[in-house]
PDB file of all heavy atoms in Angstrom:
ATOM      1  N   VAL A   1     116.693 215.834 255.011  1.00  0.00           N
ATOM      2  CA  VAL A   1     117.846 216.276 254.335  1.00  0.00           C
ATOM      3  C   VAL A   1     119.021 216.562 255.274  1.00  0.00           C
ATOM      4  O   VAL A   1     120.105 216.197 254.972  1.00  0.00           O
ATOM      5  CB  VAL A   1     117.542 217.576 253.500  1.00  0.00           C
ATOM      6  CG1 VAL A   1     118.838 218.242 253.001  1.00  0.00           C
ATOM      7  CG2 VAL A   1     116.678 217.304 252.363  1.00  0.00           C
ATOM      8  N   ALA A   2     118.742 217.139 256.406  1.00  0.00           N
ATOM      9  CA  ALA A   2     119.765 217.418 257.363  1.00  0.00           C
ATOM     10  C   ALA A   2     120.449 216.059 257.904  1.00  0.00           C
ATOM     11  O   ALA A   2     121.664 215.993 257.902  1.00  0.00           O
ATOM     12  CB  ALA A   2     119.238 218.243 258.567  1.00  0.00           C
ATOM     13  N   ILE A   3     119.583 215.107 258.279  1.00  0.00           N
ATOM     14  CA  ILE A   3     120.238 213.892 258.767  1.00  0.00           C
ATOM     15  C   ILE A   3     120.921 213.113 257.691  1.00  0.00           C
ATOM     16  O   ILE A   3     121.830 212.384 257.816  1.00  0.00           O
ATOM     17  CB  ILE A   3     119.323 212.965 259.587  1.00  0.00           C
ATOM     18  CG1 ILE A   3     118.101 212.519 258.800  1.00  0.00           C
ATOM     19  CG2 ILE A   3     118.852 213.740 260.822  1.00  0.00           C
ATOM     20  CD1 ILE A   3     117.138 211.649 259.540  1.00  0.00           C
ATOM     21  N   ALA A   4     120.439 213.253 256.417  1.00  0.00           N
ATOM     22  CA  ALA A   4     121.030 212.540 255.235  1.00  0.00           C
ATOM     23  C   ALA A   4     122.351 213.119 254.911  1.00  0.00           C
ATOM     24  O   ALA A   4     123.292 212.378 254.486  1.00  0.00           O
ATOM     25  CB  ALA A   4     120.099 212.447 254.052  1.00  0.00           C
ATOM     26  N   VAL A   5     122.488 214.424 255.063  1.00  0.00           N
ATOM     27  CA  VAL A   5     123.759 215.153 254.809  1.00  0.00           C
ATOM     28  C   VAL A   5     124.926 214.619 255.669  1.00  0.00           C
ATOM     29  O   VAL A   5     126.022 214.402 255.415  1.00  0.00           O
ATOM     30  CB  VAL A   5     123.697 216.621 254.833  1.00  0.00           C
ATOM     31  CG1 VAL A   5     124.947 217.312 254.953  1.00  0.00           C
ATOM     32  CG2 VAL A   5     122.773 217.087 253.599  1.00  0.00           C
ATOM     33  N   PHE A   6     124.511 214.426 256.981  1.00  0.00           N
ATOM     34  CA  PHE A   6     125.519 214.041 257.927  1.00  0.00           C
ATOM     35  C   PHE A   6     125.834 212.496 258.003  1.00  0.00           C
ATOM     36  O   PHE A   6     126.858 212.087 258.533  1.00  0.00           O
ATOM     37  CB  PHE A   6     125.156 214.452 259.426  1.00  0.00           C
ATOM     38  CG  PHE A   6     125.176 215.882 259.590  1.00  0.00           C
ATOM     39  CD1 PHE A   6     124.046 216.646 259.720  1.00  0.00           C
ATOM     40  CD2 PHE A   6     126.343 216.627 259.490  1.00  0.00           C
ATOM     41  CE1 PHE A   6     124.032 218.097 259.933  1.00  0.00           C
ATOM     42  CE2 PHE A   6     126.402 217.989 259.664  1.00  0.00           C
ATOM     43  CZ  PHE A   6     125.288 218.755 259.934  1.00  0.00           C
ATOM     44  N   ALA A   7     124.939 211.693 257.380  1.00  0.00           N
ATOM     45  CA  ALA A   7     125.104 210.277 257.347  1.00  0.00           C
ATOM     46  C   ALA A   7     124.525 209.698 256.042  1.00  0.00           C
ATOM     47  O   ALA A   7     123.572 209.027 256.054  1.00  0.00           O
ATOM     48  CB  ALA A   7     124.583 209.643 258.582  1.00  0.00           C
ATOM     49  N   PRO A   8     125.213 209.950 254.849  1.00  0.00           N
ATOM     50  CA  PRO A   8     124.659 209.609 253.630  1.00  0.00           C
ATOM     51  C   PRO A   8     124.535 208.045 253.396  1.00  0.00           C
ATOM     52  O   PRO A   8     123.618 207.604 252.787  1.00  0.00           O
ATOM     53  CB  PRO A   8     125.520 210.264 252.511  1.00  0.00           C
ATOM     54  CG  PRO A   8     126.798 210.604 253.305  1.00  0.00           C
ATOM     55  CD  PRO A   8     126.424 210.821 254.729  1.00  0.00           C
ATOM     56  N   LYS A   9     125.585 207.314 253.914  1.00  0.00           N
ATOM     57  CA  LYS A   9     125.435 205.888 253.814  1.00  0.00           C
ATOM     58  C   LYS A   9     124.392 205.263 254.603  1.00  0.00           C
ATOM     59  O   LYS A   9     123.623 204.391 254.179  1.00  0.00           O
ATOM     60  CB  LYS A   9     126.845 205.272 254.294  1.00  0.00           C
ATOM     61  CG  LYS A   9     128.025 205.549 253.393  1.00  0.00           C
ATOM     62  CD  LYS A   9     129.266 204.847 253.843  1.00  0.00           C
ATOM     63  CE  LYS A   9     130.420 205.138 252.907  1.00  0.00           C
ATOM     64  NZ  LYS A   9     131.603 204.624 253.399  1.00  0.00           N
ATOM     65  N   GLU A  10     124.025 205.802 255.869  1.00  0.00           N
ATOM     66  CA  GLU A  10     122.883 205.323 256.606  1.00  0.00           C
ATOM     67  C   GLU A  10     121.571 205.584 255.869  1.00  0.00           C
ATOM     68  O   GLU A  10     120.676 204.820 255.922  1.00  0.00           O
ATOM     69  CB  GLU A  10     122.842 205.978 257.949  1.00  0.00           C
ATOM     70  CG  GLU A  10     123.730 205.365 258.978  1.00  0.00           C
ATOM     71  CD  GLU A  10     123.585 205.972 260.290  1.00  0.00           C
ATOM     72  OE1 GLU A  10     122.398 206.364 260.666  1.00  0.00           O
ATOM     73  OE2 GLU A  10     124.457 206.015 261.150  1.00  0.00           O
ATOM     74  N   ALA A  11     121.519 206.748 255.228  1.00  0.00           N
ATOM     75  CA  ALA A  11     120.298 207.192 254.562  1.00  0.00           C
ATOM     76  C   ALA A  11     119.909 206.248 253.370  1.00  0.00           C
ATOM     77  O   ALA A  11     118.713 206.061 253.220  1.00  0.00           O
ATOM     78  CB  ALA A  11     120.430 208.650 254.065  1.00  0.00           C
ATOM     79  N   ASN A  12     120.996 205.702 252.768  1.00  0.00           N
ATOM     80  CA  ASN A  12     120.710 204.845 251.553  1.00  0.00           C
ATOM     81  C   ASN A  12     120.648 203.342 252.015  1.00  0.00           C
ATOM     82  O   ASN A  12     120.331 202.543 251.172  1.00  0.00           O
ATOM     83  CB  ASN A  12     121.672 205.065 250.544  1.00  0.00           C
ATOM     84  CG  ASN A  12     121.605 206.408 249.896  1.00  0.00           C
ATOM     85  OD1 ASN A  12     120.471 206.920 249.723  1.00  0.00           O
ATOM     86  ND2 ASN A  12     122.743 206.990 249.551  1.00  0.00           N
ATOM     87  N   ALA A  13     120.922 202.963 253.211  1.00  0.00           N
ATOM     88  CA  ALA A  13     120.889 201.595 253.623  1.00  0.00           C
ATOM     89  C   ALA A  13     119.463 201.173 253.707  1.00  0.00           C
ATOM     90  O   ALA A  13     118.566 201.764 254.056  1.00  0.00           O
ATOM     91  CB  ALA A  13     121.528 201.487 255.036  1.00  0.00           C
ATOM     92  N   SER A  14     119.320 199.784 253.337  1.00  0.00           N
ATOM     93  CA  SER A  14     118.053 199.165 253.381  1.00  0.00           C
ATOM     94  C   SER A  14     117.881 198.701 254.771  1.00  0.00           C
ATOM     95  O   SER A  14     118.777 198.568 255.591  1.00  0.00           O
ATOM     96  CB  SER A  14     117.931 197.965 252.406  1.00  0.00           C
ATOM     97  OG  SER A  14     118.870 197.074 252.705  1.00  0.00           O
ATOM     98  N   LEU A  15     116.570 198.364 255.131  1.00  0.00           N
ATOM     99  CA  LEU A  15     116.202 198.030 256.425  1.00  0.00           C
ATOM    100  C   LEU A  15     116.797 196.599 256.749  1.00  0.00           C
ATOM    101  O   LEU A  15     116.578 195.755 255.850  1.00  0.00           O
ATOM    102  CB  LEU A  15     114.690 197.981 256.701  1.00  0.00           C
ATOM    103  CG  LEU A  15     113.974 199.253 256.624  1.00  0.00           C
ATOM    104  CD1 LEU A  15     112.460 199.140 256.756  1.00  0.00           C
ATOM    105  CD2 LEU A  15     114.499 200.206 257.662  1.00  0.00           C
ATOM    106  N   ASP A  16     117.297 196.387 257.859  1.00  0.00           N
ATOM    107  CA  ASP A  16     117.735 194.918 258.232  1.00  0.00           C
ATOM    108  C   ASP A  16     116.531 194.258 258.870  1.00  0.00           C
ATOM    109  O   ASP A  16     115.481 194.806 259.009  1.00  0.00           O
ATOM    110  CB  ASP A  16     118.967 194.961 259.163  1.00  0.00           C
ATOM    111  CG  ASP A  16     118.697 195.646 260.484  1.00  0.00           C
ATOM    112  OD1 ASP A  16     117.579 195.873 260.920  1.00  0.00           O
ATOM    113  OD2 ASP A  16     119.773 195.986 261.118  1.00  0.00           O
ATOM    114  N   GLU A  17     116.778 192.967 259.289  1.00  0.00           N
ATOM    115  CA  GLU A  17     115.755 192.209 259.783  1.00  0.00           C
ATOM    116  C   GLU A  17     115.060 192.757 261.091  1.00  0.00           C
ATOM    117  O   GLU A  17     113.868 192.688 261.262  1.00  0.00           O
ATOM    118  CB  GLU A  17     116.199 190.762 260.084  1.00  0.00           C
ATOM    119  CG  GLU A  17     115.134 189.788 260.537  1.00  0.00           C
ATOM    120  CD  GLU A  17     114.002 189.593 259.477  1.00  0.00           C
ATOM    121  OE1 GLU A  17     114.280 189.639 258.321  1.00  0.00           O
ATOM    122  OE2 GLU A  17     112.857 189.363 259.966  1.00  0.00           O
ATOM    123  N   ARG A  18     115.970 193.267 261.941  1.00  0.00           N
ATOM    124  CA  ARG A  18     115.476 193.892 263.188  1.00  0.00           C
ATOM    125  C   ARG A  18     114.686 195.074 262.921  1.00  0.00           C
ATOM    126  O   ARG A  18     113.624 195.217 263.553  1.00  0.00           O
ATOM    127  CB  ARG A  18     116.768 194.250 264.026  1.00  0.00           C
ATOM    128  CG  ARG A  18     116.450 194.980 265.304  1.00  0.00           C
ATOM    129  CD  ARG A  18     117.668 195.239 266.110  1.00  0.00           C
ATOM    130  NE  ARG A  18     117.379 196.019 267.337  1.00  0.00           N
ATOM    131  CZ  ARG A  18     117.549 197.301 267.467  1.00  0.00           C
ATOM    132  NH1 ARG A  18     118.062 198.004 266.477  1.00  0.00           N
ATOM    133  NH2 ARG A  18     117.198 197.919 268.490  1.00  0.00           N
ATOM    134  N   GLU A  19     115.105 195.996 261.978  1.00  0.00           N
ATOM    135  CA  GLU A  19     114.378 197.148 261.713  1.00  0.00           C
ATOM    136  C   GLU A  19     113.025 196.805 261.032  1.00  0.00           C
ATOM    137  O   GLU A  19     112.010 197.529 261.321  1.00  0.00           O
ATOM    138  CB  GLU A  19     115.183 198.083 260.726  1.00  0.00           C
ATOM    139  CG  GLU A  19     116.302 198.732 261.528  1.00  0.00           C
ATOM    140  CD  GLU A  19     117.267 199.539 260.546  1.00  0.00           C
ATOM    141  OE1 GLU A  19     117.358 199.105 259.387  1.00  0.00           O
ATOM    142  OE2 GLU A  19     117.659 200.575 260.974  1.00  0.00           O
ATOM    143  N   ARG A  20     112.981 195.816 260.212  1.00  0.00           N
ATOM    144  CA  ARG A  20     111.723 195.409 259.592  1.00  0.00           C
ATOM    145  C   ARG A  20     110.748 194.901 260.686  1.00  0.00           C
ATOM    146  O   ARG A  20     109.476 195.279 260.688  1.00  0.00           O
ATOM    147  CB  ARG A  20     111.891 194.268 258.627  1.00  0.00           C
ATOM    148  CG  ARG A  20     112.410 194.798 257.285  1.00  0.00           C
ATOM    149  CD  ARG A  20     112.324 193.731 256.127  1.00  0.00           C
ATOM    150  NE  ARG A  20     113.230 192.656 256.324  1.00  0.00           N
ATOM    151  CZ  ARG A  20     114.462 192.654 255.891  1.00  0.00           C
ATOM    152  NH1 ARG A  20     115.003 193.689 255.251  1.00  0.00           N
ATOM    153  NH2 ARG A  20     115.201 191.626 256.012  1.00  0.00           N
ATOM    154  N   MET A  21     111.251 194.234 261.708  1.00  0.00           N
ATOM    155  CA  MET A  21     110.367 193.805 262.843  1.00  0.00           C
ATOM    156  C   MET A  21     109.934 195.062 263.656  1.00  0.00           C
ATOM    157  O   MET A  21     108.747 195.049 264.036  1.00  0.00           O
ATOM    158  CB  MET A  21     111.143 192.864 263.762  1.00  0.00           C
ATOM    159  CG  MET A  21     110.343 192.325 264.863  1.00  0.00           C
ATOM    160  SD  MET A  21     108.939 191.276 264.387  1.00  0.00           S
ATOM    161  CE  MET A  21     109.754 189.801 263.939  1.00  0.00           C
ATOM    162  N   ILE A  22     110.753 196.014 263.881  1.00  0.00           N
ATOM    163  CA  ILE A  22     110.416 197.188 264.603  1.00  0.00           C
ATOM    164  C   ILE A  22     109.243 197.872 263.892  1.00  0.00           C
ATOM    165  O   ILE A  22     108.262 198.374 264.391  1.00  0.00           O
ATOM    166  CB  ILE A  22     111.574 198.103 264.774  1.00  0.00           C
ATOM    167  CG1 ILE A  22     112.551 197.481 265.857  1.00  0.00           C
ATOM    168  CG2 ILE A  22     111.210 199.523 265.156  1.00  0.00           C
ATOM    169  CD1 ILE A  22     113.890 198.240 266.064  1.00  0.00           C
ATOM    170  N   PHE A  23     109.420 198.008 262.521  1.00  0.00           N
ATOM    171  CA  PHE A  23     108.464 198.771 261.742  1.00  0.00           C
ATOM    172  C   PHE A  23     107.153 197.954 261.809  1.00  0.00           C
ATOM    173  O   PHE A  23     105.971 198.637 261.884  1.00  0.00           O
ATOM    174  CB  PHE A  23     108.926 198.878 260.273  1.00  0.00           C
ATOM    175  CG  PHE A  23     109.744 200.178 260.055  1.00  0.00           C
ATOM    176  CD1 PHE A  23     110.910 200.289 260.874  1.00  0.00           C
ATOM    177  CD2 PHE A  23     109.430 200.988 259.027  1.00  0.00           C
ATOM    178  CE1 PHE A  23     111.729 201.382 260.535  1.00  0.00           C
ATOM    179  CE2 PHE A  23     110.317 202.072 258.845  1.00  0.00           C
ATOM    180  CZ  PHE A  23     111.429 202.205 259.582  1.00  0.00           C
ATOM    181  N   ALA A  24     107.113 196.674 261.699  1.00  0.00           N
ATOM    182  CA  ALA A  24     105.955 195.928 261.780  1.00  0.00           C
ATOM    183  C   ALA A  24     105.178 196.036 263.047  1.00  0.00           C
ATOM    184  O   ALA A  24     103.916 196.220 263.104  1.00  0.00           O
ATOM    185  CB  ALA A  24     106.187 194.391 261.395  1.00  0.00           C
ATOM    186  N   ARG A  25     105.946 195.879 264.175  1.00  0.00           N
ATOM    187  CA  ARG A  25     105.330 196.000 265.437  1.00  0.00           C
ATOM    188  C   ARG A  25     104.756 197.352 265.769  1.00  0.00           C
ATOM    189  O   ARG A  25     103.668 197.526 266.318  1.00  0.00           O
ATOM    190  CB  ARG A  25     106.315 195.575 266.600  1.00  0.00           C
ATOM    191  CG  ARG A  25     106.615 194.110 266.558  1.00  0.00           C
ATOM    192  CD  ARG A  25     107.597 193.632 267.560  1.00  0.00           C
ATOM    193  NE  ARG A  25     106.945 193.759 268.907  1.00  0.00           N
ATOM    194  CZ  ARG A  25     107.688 193.618 270.007  1.00  0.00           C
ATOM    195  NH1 ARG A  25     108.919 193.287 270.006  1.00  0.00           N
ATOM    196  NH2 ARG A  25     107.061 193.691 271.189  1.00  0.00           N
ATOM    197  N   ALA A  26     105.584 198.417 265.402  1.00  0.00           N
ATOM    198  CA  ALA A  26     105.123 199.777 265.564  1.00  0.00           C
ATOM    199  C   ALA A  26     103.856 200.102 264.780  1.00  0.00           C
ATOM    200  O   ALA A  26     102.958 200.710 265.276  1.00  0.00           O
ATOM    201  CB  ALA A  26     106.155 200.734 265.247  1.00  0.00           C
ATOM    202  N   GLY A  27     103.843 199.598 263.566  1.00  0.00           N
ATOM    203  CA  GLY A  27     102.612 199.818 262.760  1.00  0.00           C
ATOM    204  C   GLY A  27     101.442 199.078 263.239  1.00  0.00           C
ATOM    205  O   GLY A  27     100.335 199.588 263.131  1.00  0.00           O
ATOM    206  N   ASN A  28     101.630 197.873 263.791  1.00  0.00           N
ATOM    207  CA  ASN A  28     100.534 197.130 264.305  1.00  0.00           C
ATOM    208  C   ASN A  28      99.963 197.979 265.476  1.00  0.00           C
ATOM    209  O   ASN A  28      98.748 198.003 265.688  1.00  0.00           O
ATOM    210  CB  ASN A  28     100.984 195.786 264.828  1.00  0.00           C
ATOM    211  CG  ASN A  28      99.972 194.915 265.205  1.00  0.00           C
ATOM    212  OD1 ASN A  28      98.810 194.896 264.586  1.00  0.00           O
ATOM    213  ND2 ASN A  28     100.120 194.099 266.265  1.00  0.00           N
TER     214      ASN A  28
END
């Protein structure tokens, strides 16, 4: 909630291609 209050647009943004790759590699 604290970080969403300070950056509401970022909080609602969908993951881009780079972030999806980061999530996949980190999860692996």
